[in-house]
Amino acid sequence: MNWIILITAGLMEVVFTFCLGKTKTAEGTELYWWWSGFFVALILSMVLMAKASQTIPIGTVYPVWTGIGAAGAVIIGICFFNEAATFWRIFFLFTLIASIIGLKIIH
């Protein structure tokens, strides 16, 4: 159950990254209502990560949480913010995901 909580915490990190990216329009004007989504997702992410760390070692919790957030940020950037999907970005994205899976396997 705590692994599901940890994965959800990582996904909330992806949500707050998405909201942060949406706070500016192409014209450079601020969209303040995205900030509320950012703060809700940020708080949920932190609370869920703290909950998961009660039974999973913090040396596993933190890298998995940040890894999900980093991988999600790359995917969000490619899918929603027109960032480049180069061979090396995809290659290192997959190595990051493999590392997260490896931490789960050895725990």
Protein backbone atom coordinates (compact mmCIF):
# COMPACT_ATOMS: atom_id res chain seq x y z
CA MET A 1 0.00 0.00 0.00
CA ASN A 2 2.81 2.44 0.83
CA TRP A 3 4.31 1.90 -2.63
CA ILE A 4 1.01 3.04 -4.13
CA ILE A 5 1.12 6.07 -1.83
CA LEU A 6 4.70 6.79 -2.94
CA ILE A 7 3.84 6.49 -6.63
CA THR A 8 0.87 8.80 -6.09
CA ALA A 9 3.18 11.29 -4.35
CA GLY A 10 5.48 11.17 -7.38
CA LEU A 11 2.55 11.71 -9.71
CA MET A 12 1.50 14.72 -7.64
CA GLU A 13 5.00 16.09 -8.25
CA VAL A 14 4.33 15.73 -11.98
CA VAL A 15 1.02 17.57 -11.53
CA PHE A 16 2.66 20.49 -9.75
CA THR A 17 5.34 20.62 -12.44
CA PHE A 18 2.62 20.79 -15.11
CA CYS A 19 0.79 23.54 -13.20
CA LEU A 20 4.02 25.48 -12.81
CA GLY A 21 4.61 25.27 -16.55
CA LYS A 22 1.09 26.52 -17.24
CA THR A 23 1.41 29.61 -15.03
CA LYS A 24 2.70 31.61 -18.00
CA THR A 25 1.01 31.96 -21.36
CA ALA A 26 2.83 32.35 -24.65
CA GLU A 27 2.41 36.10 -24.31
CA GLY A 28 4.14 36.04 -20.92
CA THR A 29 1.07 36.94 -18.86
CA GLU A 30 0.54 35.11 -15.60
CA LEU A 31 -2.34 32.67 -15.18
CA TYR A 32 -2.80 32.84 -11.43
CA TRP A 33 -5.42 30.12 -11.14
CA TRP A 34 -2.80 27.48 -12.07
CA TRP A 35 -1.01 28.40 -8.85
CA SER A 36 -3.83 26.91 -6.76
CA GLY A 37 -3.38 23.56 -8.53
CA PHE A 38 0.37 23.85 -8.00
CA PHE A 39 0.02 24.36 -4.24
CA VAL A 40 -2.61 21.63 -3.78
CA ALA A 41 -0.47 19.11 -5.69
CA LEU A 42 2.66 20.23 -3.83
CA ILE A 43 1.06 19.73 -0.41
CA LEU A 44 -0.42 16.37 -1.41
CA SER A 45 2.92 15.25 -2.78
CA MET A 46 4.78 16.12 0.43
CA VAL A 47 2.16 14.61 2.74
CA LEU A 48 2.03 11.37 0.74
CA MET A 49 5.82 11.15 0.57
CA ALA A 50 6.01 11.58 4.36
CA LYS A 51 3.40 8.84 4.80
CA ALA A 52 5.29 6.44 2.52
CA SER A 53 8.54 7.10 4.42
CA GLN A 54 7.01 5.62 7.57
CA THR A 55 7.51 2.09 6.21
CA ILE A 56 9.83 2.49 3.21
CA PRO A 57 13.41 3.65 3.88
CA ILE A 58 13.96 7.33 3.07
CA GLY A 59 16.97 6.33 0.96
CA THR A 60 14.48 4.61 -1.34
CA VAL A 61 11.51 6.98 -0.94
CA TYR A 62 13.30 10.15 -1.96
CA PRO A 63 15.03 8.84 -5.12
CA VAL A 64 11.82 7.13 -6.30
CA TRP A 65 9.78 10.28 -5.61
CA THR A 66 12.22 12.57 -7.40
CA GLY A 67 12.70 10.04 -10.20
CA ILE A 68 8.98 9.85 -10.91
CA GLY A 69 8.85 13.64 -10.84
CA ALA A 70 11.87 14.01 -13.13
CA ALA A 71 10.63 11.42 -15.62
CA GLY A 72 7.16 12.93 -15.53
CA ALA A 73 8.55 16.43 -16.07
CA VAL A 74 10.38 15.26 -19.18
CA ILE A 75 7.24 13.57 -20.53
CA ILE A 76 5.09 16.62 -19.67
CA GLY A 77 7.62 18.89 -21.37
CA ILE A 78 7.59 16.81 -24.54
CA CYS A 79 3.81 16.30 -24.65
CA PHE A 80 2.52 19.69 -23.49
CA PHE A 81 5.31 22.27 -23.78
CA ASN A 82 6.78 21.38 -27.19
CA GLU A 83 10.18 20.37 -25.82
CA ALA A 84 12.44 18.30 -28.05
CA ALA A 85 12.15 14.50 -27.95
CA THR A 86 15.74 13.77 -28.95
CA PHE A 87 17.30 10.33 -28.89
CA TRP A 88 19.43 11.17 -25.84
CA ARG A 89 16.51 12.62 -23.83
CA ILE A 90 14.49 9.46 -24.45
CA PHE A 91 17.49 7.22 -23.77
CA PHE A 92 18.20 8.84 -20.40
CA LEU A 93 14.50 8.92 -19.57
CA PHE A 94 14.43 5.14 -19.95
CA THR A 95 17.58 4.72 -17.85
CA LEU A 96 15.94 6.84 -15.14
CA ILE A 97 12.79 4.72 -15.23
CA ALA A 98 14.91 1.54 -15.11
CA SER A 99 16.69 2.91 -12.03
CA ILE A 100 13.37 3.60 -10.28
CA ILE A 101 12.20 0.06 -11.05
CA GLY A 102 15.56 -1.27 -9.80
CA LEU A 103 15.11 0.51 -6.45
CA LYS A 104 11.68 -1.09 -6.11
CA ILE A 105 13.05 -4.53 -6.94
CA ILE A 106 15.92 -4.42 -4.44
CA HIS A 107 13.80 -3.06 -1.58
